[in-house]
Amino acid sequence: MKGIVFTEFLELVEDKFGLEMVDHIISNSDLDSEGVYTSVGTYKFSEMLQLLQHLSAKTEISIDNLLLVYAEHFFSVLEDSYPGLLATYTDPIEMLSSIENHIHVEVRKIYPDAELPTFEVIEKTENSLVMDYKSNRAMHHFGLGLMNKTFEHFNSTADIVLEKIKEDGTEVRFIIKKN
């Protein structure tokens, strides 16, 4: 998992819960990196999982809800860092339907070894989108949060239903209807 995901996560934790919380989740985790991350480094997903688990236990906020909040924070990082990428699109459905064939292609140019989830468009209309998400990391709520912020970015709203294809969350269907 790319370091930017870790550095931004710890920044969010510090902003929302304080530096003591950052210290708590790092010191209570068994991290090969010892909690020292660079945005361009690559780290084990198990480290992110430990950080999330300790934050969830300490705050009593579910990991899924923490991922939603984190995704909202991360979207603002994308807006600030890659405004040209977002400016390519004028509609949230268009943008979301191009995750696999455009956005992830651009991410791989910057981070060639990034391990990204896959998104397969099942059905697309002007106001709706059905996509299947696949990732052994089961971070679909991170994807959901990014989708929510995508609609907000375009001053639009949508109903997004998440249906687990596999109970462990490694395959999920997103059913999106623009309001």
N, C-alpha and C. Protein backbone atom coordinates (compact mmCIF):
# COMPACT_ATOMS: atom_id res chain seq x y z
N MET A 1 0.86 -1.16 0.00
CA MET A 1 0.00 0.00 0.00
C MET A 1 0.91 1.24 0.00
N LYS A 2 0.56 2.21 -0.83
CA LYS A 2 1.41 3.38 -0.99
C LYS A 2 1.41 4.25 0.27
N GLY A 3 2.57 4.83 0.52
CA GLY A 3 2.79 5.62 1.73
C GLY A 3 1.87 6.81 1.88
N ILE A 4 1.45 7.41 0.76
CA ILE A 4 0.56 8.56 0.85
C ILE A 4 -0.73 8.20 1.59
N VAL A 5 -1.16 6.96 1.44
CA VAL A 5 -2.37 6.51 2.13
C VAL A 5 -2.14 6.53 3.65
N PHE A 6 -0.93 6.16 4.07
CA PHE A 6 -0.59 6.17 5.49
C PHE A 6 -0.37 7.58 6.02
N THR A 7 0.40 8.39 5.28
CA THR A 7 0.71 9.73 5.77
C THR A 7 -0.56 10.57 5.90
N GLU A 8 -1.44 10.45 4.91
CA GLU A 8 -2.69 11.21 4.98
C GLU A 8 -3.62 10.67 6.07
N PHE A 9 -3.60 9.36 6.29
CA PHE A 9 -4.42 8.78 7.36
C PHE A 9 -3.97 9.31 8.72
N LEU A 10 -2.68 9.30 8.96
CA LEU A 10 -2.17 9.79 10.24
C LEU A 10 -2.41 11.28 10.41
N GLU A 11 -2.36 12.03 9.31
CA GLU A 11 -2.68 13.46 9.38
C GLU A 11 -4.14 13.66 9.77
N LEU A 12 -5.01 12.86 9.18
CA LEU A 12 -6.44 12.94 9.53
C LEU A 12 -6.65 12.58 11.00
N VAL A 13 -6.01 11.52 11.47
CA VAL A 13 -6.15 11.11 12.87
C VAL A 13 -5.69 12.23 13.79
N GLU A 14 -4.57 12.86 13.45
CA GLU A 14 -4.08 13.96 14.27
C GLU A 14 -5.07 15.13 14.26
N ASP A 15 -5.59 15.48 13.08
CA ASP A 15 -6.55 16.59 12.98
C ASP A 15 -7.83 16.32 13.77
N LYS A 16 -8.34 15.09 13.68
CA LYS A 16 -9.64 14.76 14.30
C LYS A 16 -9.53 14.36 15.76
N PHE A 17 -8.43 13.67 16.11
CA PHE A 17 -8.36 13.06 17.45
C PHE A 17 -7.13 13.49 18.26
N GLY A 18 -6.19 14.18 17.63
CA GLY A 18 -5.02 14.67 18.35
C GLY A 18 -3.79 13.80 18.18
N LEU A 19 -2.65 14.40 18.49
CA LEU A 19 -1.36 13.72 18.36
C LEU A 19 -1.25 12.53 19.30
N GLU A 20 -1.89 12.62 20.47
CA GLU A 20 -1.85 11.51 21.43
C GLU A 20 -2.49 10.26 20.83
N MET A 21 -3.54 10.44 20.04
CA MET A 21 -4.20 9.30 19.40
C MET A 21 -3.28 8.67 18.36
N VAL A 22 -2.59 9.51 17.59
CA VAL A 22 -1.63 8.99 16.62
C VAL A 22 -0.59 8.14 17.34
N ASP A 23 -0.05 8.68 18.43
CA ASP A 23 0.94 7.94 19.21
C ASP A 23 0.36 6.63 19.74
N HIS A 24 -0.88 6.68 20.22
CA HIS A 24 -1.54 5.49 20.77
C HIS A 24 -1.68 4.39 19.73
N ILE A 25 -2.19 4.73 18.55
CA ILE A 25 -2.44 3.68 17.55
C ILE A 25 -1.14 3.13 17.00
N ILE A 26 -0.11 3.98 16.90
CA ILE A 26 1.19 3.48 16.41
C ILE A 26 1.85 2.61 17.47
N SER A 27 1.87 3.07 18.71
CA SER A 27 2.59 2.33 19.76
C SER A 27 1.89 1.03 20.13
N ASN A 28 0.60 0.93 19.87
CA ASN A 28 -0.13 -0.30 20.18
C ASN A 28 -0.19 -1.27 19.00
N SER A 29 0.45 -0.90 17.90
CA SER A 29 0.49 -1.76 16.72
C SER A 29 1.88 -2.36 16.57
N ASP A 30 1.94 -3.52 15.93
CA ASP A 30 3.21 -4.18 15.65
C ASP A 30 3.56 -3.88 14.19
N LEU A 31 4.27 -2.77 13.96
CA LEU A 31 4.51 -2.26 12.63
C LEU A 31 5.95 -2.46 12.20
N ASP A 32 6.15 -3.12 11.07
CA ASP A 32 7.50 -3.27 10.53
C ASP A 32 8.14 -1.91 10.29
N SER A 33 7.34 -0.94 9.90
CA SER A 33 7.83 0.41 9.59
C SER A 33 8.07 1.23 10.85
N GLU A 34 7.61 0.72 11.99
CA GLU A 34 7.64 1.43 13.26
C GLU A 34 6.82 2.73 13.20
N GLY A 35 5.90 2.80 12.26
CA GLY A 35 5.04 3.97 12.15
C GLY A 35 5.68 5.14 11.46
N VAL A 36 6.78 4.91 10.77
CA VAL A 36 7.47 5.97 10.03
C VAL A 36 7.17 5.75 8.55
N TYR A 37 6.42 6.70 7.96
CA TYR A 37 5.97 6.56 6.59
C TYR A 37 6.41 7.74 5.75
N THR A 38 6.71 7.47 4.48
CA THR A 38 6.92 8.54 3.50
C THR A 38 5.83 8.38 2.45
N SER A 39 5.44 9.45 1.83
CA SER A 39 4.34 9.39 0.87
C SER A 39 4.65 8.52 -0.34
N VAL A 40 5.92 8.36 -0.68
CA VAL A 40 6.29 7.56 -1.86
C VAL A 40 6.69 6.13 -1.51
N GLY A 41 6.76 5.81 -0.22
CA GLY A 41 7.12 4.46 0.19
C GLY A 41 6.00 3.48 -0.05
N THR A 42 6.29 2.21 0.16
CA THR A 42 5.28 1.15 0.04
C THR A 42 5.32 0.35 1.34
N TYR A 43 4.13 0.11 1.89
CA TYR A 43 4.02 -0.54 3.20
C TYR A 43 2.95 -1.62 3.14
N LYS A 44 3.02 -2.52 4.10
CA LYS A 44 2.08 -3.63 4.15
C LYS A 44 0.68 -3.15 4.54
N PHE A 45 -0.31 -3.73 3.88
CA PHE A 45 -1.69 -3.42 4.22
C PHE A 45 -1.99 -3.78 5.67
N SER A 46 -1.33 -4.81 6.18
CA SER A 46 -1.57 -5.23 7.56
C SER A 46 -1.28 -4.09 8.55
N GLU A 47 -0.37 -3.18 8.19
CA GLU A 47 -0.09 -2.04 9.06
C GLU A 47 -1.29 -1.10 9.10
N MET A 48 -1.89 -0.83 7.94
CA MET A 48 -3.08 0.04 7.91
C MET A 48 -4.21 -0.61 8.69
N LEU A 49 -4.36 -1.90 8.53
CA LEU A 49 -5.42 -2.61 9.24
C LEU A 49 -5.23 -2.50 10.76
N GLN A 50 -4.00 -2.65 11.24
CA GLN A 50 -3.74 -2.50 12.67
C GLN A 50 -4.06 -1.09 13.15
N LEU A 51 -3.64 -0.09 12.39
CA LEU A 51 -3.90 1.30 12.78
C LEU A 51 -5.41 1.55 12.85
N LEU A 52 -6.13 1.06 11.84
CA LEU A 52 -7.59 1.21 11.83
C LEU A 52 -8.23 0.49 13.03
N GLN A 53 -7.78 -0.73 13.29
CA GLN A 53 -8.36 -1.50 14.40
C GLN A 53 -8.14 -0.80 15.74
N HIS A 54 -6.94 -0.27 15.96
CA HIS A 54 -6.67 0.41 17.23
C HIS A 54 -7.44 1.73 17.33
N LEU A 55 -7.57 2.43 16.22
CA LEU A 55 -8.35 3.68 16.22
C LEU A 55 -9.81 3.37 16.48
N SER A 56 -10.32 2.33 15.86
CA SER A 56 -11.71 1.94 16.06
C SER A 56 -11.97 1.55 17.51
N ALA A 57 -11.07 0.77 18.08
CA ALA A 57 -11.24 0.34 19.47
C ALA A 57 -11.21 1.53 20.43
N LYS A 58 -10.33 2.46 20.19
CA LYS A 58 -10.17 3.62 21.09
C LYS A 58 -11.30 4.62 20.94
N THR A 59 -11.81 4.80 19.71
CA THR A 59 -12.85 5.81 19.46
C THR A 59 -14.26 5.24 19.49
N GLU A 60 -14.36 3.91 19.43
CA GLU A 60 -15.65 3.21 19.32
C GLU A 60 -16.40 3.60 18.05
N ILE A 61 -15.65 3.89 17.00
CA ILE A 61 -16.19 4.16 15.66
C ILE A 61 -15.83 2.96 14.80
N SER A 62 -16.80 2.43 14.06
CA SER A 62 -16.52 1.24 13.24
C SER A 62 -15.46 1.54 12.19
N ILE A 63 -14.74 0.50 11.79
CA ILE A 63 -13.73 0.65 10.74
C ILE A 63 -14.38 1.16 9.46
N ASP A 64 -15.57 0.66 9.12
CA ASP A 64 -16.25 1.14 7.91
C ASP A 64 -16.51 2.65 7.99
N ASN A 65 -16.96 3.13 9.14
CA ASN A 65 -17.21 4.57 9.28
C ASN A 65 -15.92 5.38 9.28
N LEU A 66 -14.87 4.83 9.86
CA LEU A 66 -13.57 5.50 9.80
C LEU A 66 -13.08 5.60 8.36
N LEU A 67 -13.29 4.55 7.58
CA LEU A 67 -12.89 4.58 6.17
C LEU A 67 -13.69 5.60 5.37
N LEU A 68 -14.96 5.76 5.70
CA LEU A 68 -15.78 6.78 5.03
C LEU A 68 -15.21 8.18 5.30
N VAL A 69 -14.92 8.46 6.55
CA VAL A 69 -14.38 9.77 6.93
C VAL A 69 -13.01 9.98 6.28
N TYR A 70 -12.20 8.92 6.30
CA TYR A 70 -10.88 9.03 5.71
C TYR A 70 -10.97 9.30 4.20
N ALA A 71 -11.90 8.64 3.53
CA ALA A 71 -12.07 8.84 2.09
C ALA A 71 -12.42 10.29 1.78
N GLU A 72 -13.26 10.89 2.62
CA GLU A 72 -13.62 12.30 2.41
C GLU A 72 -12.39 13.19 2.53
N HIS A 73 -11.56 12.90 3.50
CA HIS A 73 -10.30 13.64 3.66
C HIS A 73 -9.40 13.41 2.43
N PHE A 74 -9.28 12.16 2.02
CA PHE A 74 -8.39 11.81 0.93
C PHE A 74 -8.84 12.44 -0.39
N PHE A 75 -10.14 12.59 -0.59
CA PHE A 75 -10.63 13.23 -1.81
C PHE A 75 -10.11 14.66 -1.89
N SER A 76 -10.08 15.36 -0.76
CA SER A 76 -9.58 16.74 -0.78
C SER A 76 -8.09 16.77 -1.13
N VAL A 77 -7.36 15.74 -0.72
CA VAL A 77 -5.94 15.62 -1.10
C VAL A 77 -5.84 15.47 -2.62
N LEU A 78 -6.71 14.63 -3.20
CA LEU A 78 -6.71 14.44 -4.65
C LEU A 78 -7.08 15.74 -5.37
N GLU A 79 -8.08 16.46 -4.84
CA GLU A 79 -8.48 17.74 -5.43
C GLU A 79 -7.30 18.71 -5.47
N ASP A 80 -6.57 18.79 -4.35
CA ASP A 80 -5.46 19.73 -4.25
C ASP A 80 -4.25 19.29 -5.08
N SER A 81 -3.99 17.99 -5.10
CA SER A 81 -2.78 17.47 -5.75
C SER A 81 -2.93 17.25 -7.25
N TYR A 82 -4.15 16.91 -7.69
CA TYR A 82 -4.37 16.55 -9.09
C TYR A 82 -5.60 17.26 -9.67
N PRO A 83 -5.63 18.59 -9.60
CA PRO A 83 -6.82 19.29 -10.10
C PRO A 83 -7.09 19.05 -11.58
N GLY A 84 -6.04 18.84 -12.35
CA GLY A 84 -6.21 18.60 -13.78
C GLY A 84 -6.96 17.32 -14.07
N LEU A 85 -6.73 16.31 -13.24
CA LEU A 85 -7.43 15.03 -13.42
C LEU A 85 -8.93 15.21 -13.20
N LEU A 86 -9.29 15.91 -12.15
CA LEU A 86 -10.71 16.11 -11.86
C LEU A 86 -11.35 17.05 -12.90
N ALA A 87 -10.58 18.00 -13.39
CA ALA A 87 -11.11 18.95 -14.38
C ALA A 87 -11.43 18.29 -15.71
N THR A 88 -10.93 17.07 -15.91
CA THR A 88 -11.21 16.32 -17.14
C THR A 88 -12.69 15.99 -17.25
N TYR A 89 -13.37 15.98 -16.11
CA TYR A 89 -14.76 15.51 -16.07
C TYR A 89 -15.72 16.65 -15.72
N THR A 90 -16.93 16.53 -16.25
CA THR A 90 -17.99 17.50 -15.93
C THR A 90 -19.17 16.85 -15.23
N ASP A 91 -19.07 15.53 -15.03
CA ASP A 91 -20.20 14.79 -14.48
C ASP A 91 -19.69 13.66 -13.58
N PRO A 92 -20.30 13.45 -12.41
CA PRO A 92 -19.83 12.40 -11.51
C PRO A 92 -19.97 10.98 -12.07
N ILE A 93 -21.02 10.72 -12.82
CA ILE A 93 -21.20 9.38 -13.40
C ILE A 93 -20.07 9.09 -14.38
N GLU A 94 -19.74 10.07 -15.21
CA GLU A 94 -18.64 9.91 -16.16
C GLU A 94 -17.33 9.64 -15.43
N MET A 95 -17.09 10.42 -14.39
CA MET A 95 -15.84 10.26 -13.65
C MET A 95 -15.76 8.88 -12.99
N LEU A 96 -16.81 8.48 -12.31
CA LEU A 96 -16.79 7.18 -11.62
C LEU A 96 -16.69 6.01 -12.60
N SER A 97 -17.33 6.15 -13.74
CA SER A 97 -17.28 5.05 -14.71
C SER A 97 -15.91 4.92 -15.37
N SER A 98 -15.07 5.93 -15.19
CA SER A 98 -13.74 5.89 -15.80
C SER A 98 -12.63 5.56 -14.80
N ILE A 99 -13.00 5.13 -13.60
CA ILE A 99 -11.98 4.82 -12.59
C ILE A 99 -10.95 3.85 -13.13
N GLU A 100 -11.41 2.75 -13.68
CA GLU A 100 -10.50 1.69 -14.10
C GLU A 100 -9.69 2.08 -15.33
N ASN A 101 -10.34 2.71 -16.32
CA ASN A 101 -9.70 2.95 -17.61
C ASN A 101 -8.98 4.29 -17.73
N HIS A 102 -9.16 5.18 -16.75
CA HIS A 102 -8.46 6.45 -16.82
C HIS A 102 -7.79 6.82 -15.50
N ILE A 103 -8.56 6.90 -14.45
CA ILE A 103 -8.01 7.37 -13.17
C ILE A 103 -6.93 6.42 -12.65
N HIS A 104 -7.22 5.12 -12.63
CA HIS A 104 -6.21 4.18 -12.15
C HIS A 104 -5.00 4.11 -13.09
N VAL A 105 -5.20 4.35 -14.36
CA VAL A 105 -4.08 4.42 -15.31
C VAL A 105 -3.16 5.57 -14.92
N GLU A 106 -3.75 6.72 -14.58
CA GLU A 106 -2.97 7.89 -14.18
C GLU A 106 -2.26 7.64 -12.85
N VAL A 107 -2.94 6.99 -11.91
CA VAL A 107 -2.34 6.67 -10.61
C VAL A 107 -1.12 5.78 -10.82
N ARG A 108 -1.24 4.81 -11.71
CA ARG A 108 -0.12 3.89 -11.96
C ARG A 108 1.08 4.59 -12.62
N LYS A 109 0.83 5.70 -13.31
CA LYS A 109 1.94 6.46 -13.86
C LYS A 109 2.76 7.09 -12.74
N ILE A 110 2.08 7.53 -11.69
CA ILE A 110 2.74 8.17 -10.56
C ILE A 110 3.31 7.11 -9.60
N TYR A 111 2.51 6.07 -9.37
CA TYR A 111 2.88 5.00 -8.44
C TYR A 111 2.80 3.66 -9.18
N PRO A 112 3.82 3.31 -9.95
CA PRO A 112 3.76 2.09 -10.79
C PRO A 112 3.47 0.81 -10.02
N ASP A 113 3.88 0.74 -8.76
CA ASP A 113 3.67 -0.49 -8.00
C ASP A 113 2.43 -0.43 -7.10
N ALA A 114 1.56 0.55 -7.32
CA ALA A 114 0.34 0.66 -6.52
C ALA A 114 -0.55 -0.56 -6.74
N GLU A 115 -1.09 -1.07 -5.65
CA GLU A 115 -2.03 -2.19 -5.72
C GLU A 115 -3.43 -1.62 -5.55
N LEU A 116 -4.10 -1.45 -6.66
CA LEU A 116 -5.40 -0.78 -6.67
C LEU A 116 -6.53 -1.80 -6.78
N PRO A 117 -7.69 -1.44 -6.26
CA PRO A 117 -8.84 -2.31 -6.48
C PRO A 117 -9.25 -2.23 -7.95
N THR A 118 -10.08 -3.16 -8.38
CA THR A 118 -10.62 -3.07 -9.74
C THR A 118 -12.09 -2.68 -9.65
N PHE A 119 -12.52 -1.92 -10.63
CA PHE A 119 -13.91 -1.51 -10.75
C PHE A 119 -14.39 -1.87 -12.15
N GLU A 120 -15.39 -2.73 -12.22
CA GLU A 120 -15.94 -3.13 -13.50
C GLU A 120 -17.33 -2.51 -13.66
N VAL A 121 -17.49 -1.74 -14.73
CA VAL A 121 -18.79 -1.14 -15.01
C VAL A 121 -19.71 -2.23 -15.54
N ILE A 122 -20.82 -2.44 -14.86
CA ILE A 122 -21.80 -3.45 -15.25
C ILE A 122 -22.89 -2.82 -16.11
N GLU A 123 -23.31 -1.63 -15.70
CA GLU A 123 -24.37 -0.93 -16.43
C GLU A 123 -24.21 0.56 -16.19
N LYS A 124 -24.40 1.34 -17.27
CA LYS A 124 -24.25 2.79 -17.15
C LYS A 124 -25.31 3.48 -17.98
N THR A 125 -25.98 4.46 -17.37
CA THR A 125 -26.88 5.35 -18.08
C THR A 125 -26.45 6.78 -17.73
N GLU A 126 -27.18 7.74 -18.23
CA GLU A 126 -26.85 9.13 -17.94
C GLU A 126 -26.94 9.43 -16.44
N ASN A 127 -27.89 8.77 -15.75
CA ASN A 127 -28.12 9.07 -14.33
C ASN A 127 -27.91 7.91 -13.39
N SER A 128 -27.33 6.83 -13.88
CA SER A 128 -27.11 5.69 -12.99
C SER A 128 -25.86 4.92 -13.41
N LEU A 129 -25.34 4.19 -12.44
CA LEU A 129 -24.14 3.41 -12.69
C LEU A 129 -24.14 2.22 -11.74
N VAL A 130 -23.84 1.06 -12.28
CA VAL A 130 -23.65 -0.14 -11.48
C VAL A 130 -22.23 -0.62 -11.73
N MET A 131 -21.46 -0.72 -10.64
CA MET A 131 -20.05 -1.13 -10.75
C MET A 131 -19.75 -2.21 -9.72
N ASP A 132 -18.91 -3.14 -10.10
CA ASP A 132 -18.42 -4.15 -9.16
C ASP A 132 -17.00 -3.79 -8.75
N TYR A 133 -16.79 -3.82 -7.45
CA TYR A 133 -15.50 -3.54 -6.83
C TYR A 133 -14.88 -4.86 -6.40
N LYS A 134 -13.60 -5.03 -6.67
CA LYS A 134 -12.88 -6.23 -6.22
C LYS A 134 -11.54 -5.82 -5.63
N SER A 135 -11.30 -6.28 -4.40
CA SER A 135 -10.02 -6.04 -3.75
C SER A 135 -9.90 -6.96 -2.56
N ASN A 136 -8.75 -7.59 -2.42
CA ASN A 136 -8.55 -8.46 -1.27
C ASN A 136 -8.44 -7.66 0.03
N ARG A 137 -8.39 -6.35 -0.07
CA ARG A 137 -8.30 -5.49 1.12
C ARG A 137 -9.67 -5.13 1.69
N ALA A 138 -10.72 -5.35 0.94
CA ALA A 138 -12.09 -5.09 1.41
C ALA A 138 -12.26 -3.68 1.99
N MET A 139 -11.73 -2.69 1.29
CA MET A 139 -11.87 -1.29 1.74
C MET A 139 -12.96 -0.57 0.94
N HIS A 140 -14.07 -1.27 0.71
CA HIS A 140 -15.14 -0.72 -0.11
C HIS A 140 -15.74 0.56 0.48
N HIS A 141 -15.70 0.70 1.80
CA HIS A 141 -16.23 1.93 2.40
C HIS A 141 -15.33 3.13 2.09
N PHE A 142 -14.05 2.89 1.85
CA PHE A 142 -13.17 3.95 1.37
C PHE A 142 -13.64 4.37 -0.02
N GLY A 143 -13.94 3.40 -0.87
CA GLY A 143 -14.47 3.69 -2.20
C GLY A 143 -15.79 4.43 -2.13
N LEU A 144 -16.66 4.01 -1.22
CA LEU A 144 -17.96 4.67 -1.04
C LEU A 144 -17.77 6.14 -0.65
N GLY A 145 -16.86 6.39 0.26
CA GLY A 145 -16.59 7.77 0.66
C GLY A 145 -16.08 8.62 -0.48
N LEU A 146 -15.19 8.05 -1.30
CA LEU A 146 -14.70 8.78 -2.47
C LEU A 146 -15.83 9.05 -3.46
N MET A 147 -16.73 8.09 -3.61
CA MET A 147 -17.88 8.29 -4.51
C MET A 147 -18.78 9.41 -3.98
N ASN A 148 -19.04 9.41 -2.69
CA ASN A 148 -19.86 10.47 -2.09
C ASN A 148 -19.25 11.84 -2.36
N LYS A 149 -17.93 11.95 -2.17
CA LYS A 149 -17.25 13.22 -2.38
C LYS A 149 -17.20 13.59 -3.87
N THR A 150 -17.20 12.60 -4.74
CA THR A 150 -17.24 12.88 -6.18
C THR A 150 -18.54 13.61 -6.52
N PHE A 151 -19.65 13.12 -6.00
CA PHE A 151 -20.93 13.80 -6.27
C PHE A 151 -20.93 15.19 -5.67
N GLU A 152 -20.40 15.33 -4.47
CA GLU A 152 -20.33 16.64 -3.84
C GLU A 152 -19.46 17.60 -4.67
N HIS A 153 -18.36 17.10 -5.19
CA HIS A 153 -17.46 17.91 -6.02
C HIS A 153 -18.20 18.50 -7.22
N PHE A 154 -19.14 17.74 -7.77
CA PHE A 154 -19.90 18.19 -8.94
C PHE A 154 -21.23 18.83 -8.54
N ASN A 155 -21.36 19.22 -7.26
CA ASN A 155 -22.59 19.84 -6.76
C ASN A 155 -23.82 19.01 -7.11
N SER A 156 -23.70 17.73 -6.88
CA SER A 156 -24.75 16.79 -7.20
C SER A 156 -24.93 15.84 -6.02
N THR A 157 -26.00 15.07 -6.05
CA THR A 157 -26.24 14.06 -5.02
C THR A 157 -26.64 12.75 -5.69
N ALA A 158 -26.51 11.69 -4.93
CA ALA A 158 -26.86 10.37 -5.46
C ALA A 158 -27.23 9.46 -4.31
N ASP A 159 -28.01 8.45 -4.62
CA ASP A 159 -28.24 7.35 -3.70
C ASP A 159 -27.27 6.25 -4.12
N ILE A 160 -26.44 5.82 -3.19
CA ILE A 160 -25.46 4.78 -3.49
C ILE A 160 -25.73 3.60 -2.56
N VAL A 161 -26.06 2.48 -3.18
CA VAL A 161 -26.32 1.26 -2.42
C VAL A 161 -25.13 0.34 -2.62
N LEU A 162 -24.69 -0.25 -1.54
CA LEU A 162 -23.55 -1.16 -1.54
C LEU A 162 -24.09 -2.55 -1.24
N GLU A 163 -23.88 -3.47 -2.16
CA GLU A 163 -24.31 -4.87 -1.95
C GLU A 163 -23.09 -5.76 -1.98
N LYS A 164 -22.89 -6.51 -0.91
CA LYS A 164 -21.75 -7.42 -0.87
C LYS A 164 -22.01 -8.63 -1.76
N ILE A 165 -21.11 -8.86 -2.68
CA ILE A 165 -21.16 -10.06 -3.52
C ILE A 165 -20.53 -11.21 -2.74
N LYS A 166 -19.42 -10.91 -2.08
CA LYS A 166 -18.78 -11.86 -1.17
C LYS A 166 -18.91 -11.29 0.24
N GLU A 167 -19.27 -12.14 1.18
CA GLU A 167 -19.54 -11.69 2.54
C GLU A 167 -18.35 -10.99 3.19
N ASP A 168 -17.13 -11.36 2.79
CA ASP A 168 -15.94 -10.75 3.40
C ASP A 168 -15.65 -9.35 2.85
N GLY A 169 -16.47 -8.88 1.90
CA GLY A 169 -16.31 -7.53 1.38
C GLY A 169 -15.23 -7.39 0.31
N THR A 170 -14.67 -8.48 -0.14
CA THR A 170 -13.65 -8.40 -1.19
C THR A 170 -14.26 -8.18 -2.57
N GLU A 171 -15.56 -8.45 -2.70
CA GLU A 171 -16.29 -8.14 -3.94
C GLU A 171 -17.61 -7.49 -3.53
N VAL A 172 -17.82 -6.31 -4.06
CA VAL A 172 -18.99 -5.50 -3.70
C VAL A 172 -19.56 -4.86 -4.94
N ARG A 173 -20.86 -4.78 -5.01
CA ARG A 173 -21.53 -4.06 -6.12
C ARG A 173 -22.01 -2.70 -5.60
N PHE A 174 -21.66 -1.65 -6.34
CA PHE A 174 -22.17 -0.30 -6.06
C PHE A 174 -23.27 0.00 -7.05
N ILE A 175 -24.44 0.35 -6.54
CA ILE A 175 -25.57 0.74 -7.38
C ILE A 175 -25.81 2.23 -7.11
N ILE A 176 -25.56 3.03 -8.12
CA ILE A 176 -25.53 4.48 -7.97
C ILE A 176 -26.65 5.09 -8.80
N LYS A 177 -27.51 5.88 -8.16
CA LYS A 177 -28.57 6.60 -8.88
C LYS A 177 -28.46 8.08 -8.54
N LYS A 178 -28.18 8.84 -9.57
CA LYS A 178 -28.03 10.30 -9.42
C LYS A 178 -29.39 10.91 -9.12
N ASN A 179 -29.42 11.82 -8.16
CA ASN A 179 -30.69 12.50 -7.81
C ASN A 179 -30.93 13.71 -8.69
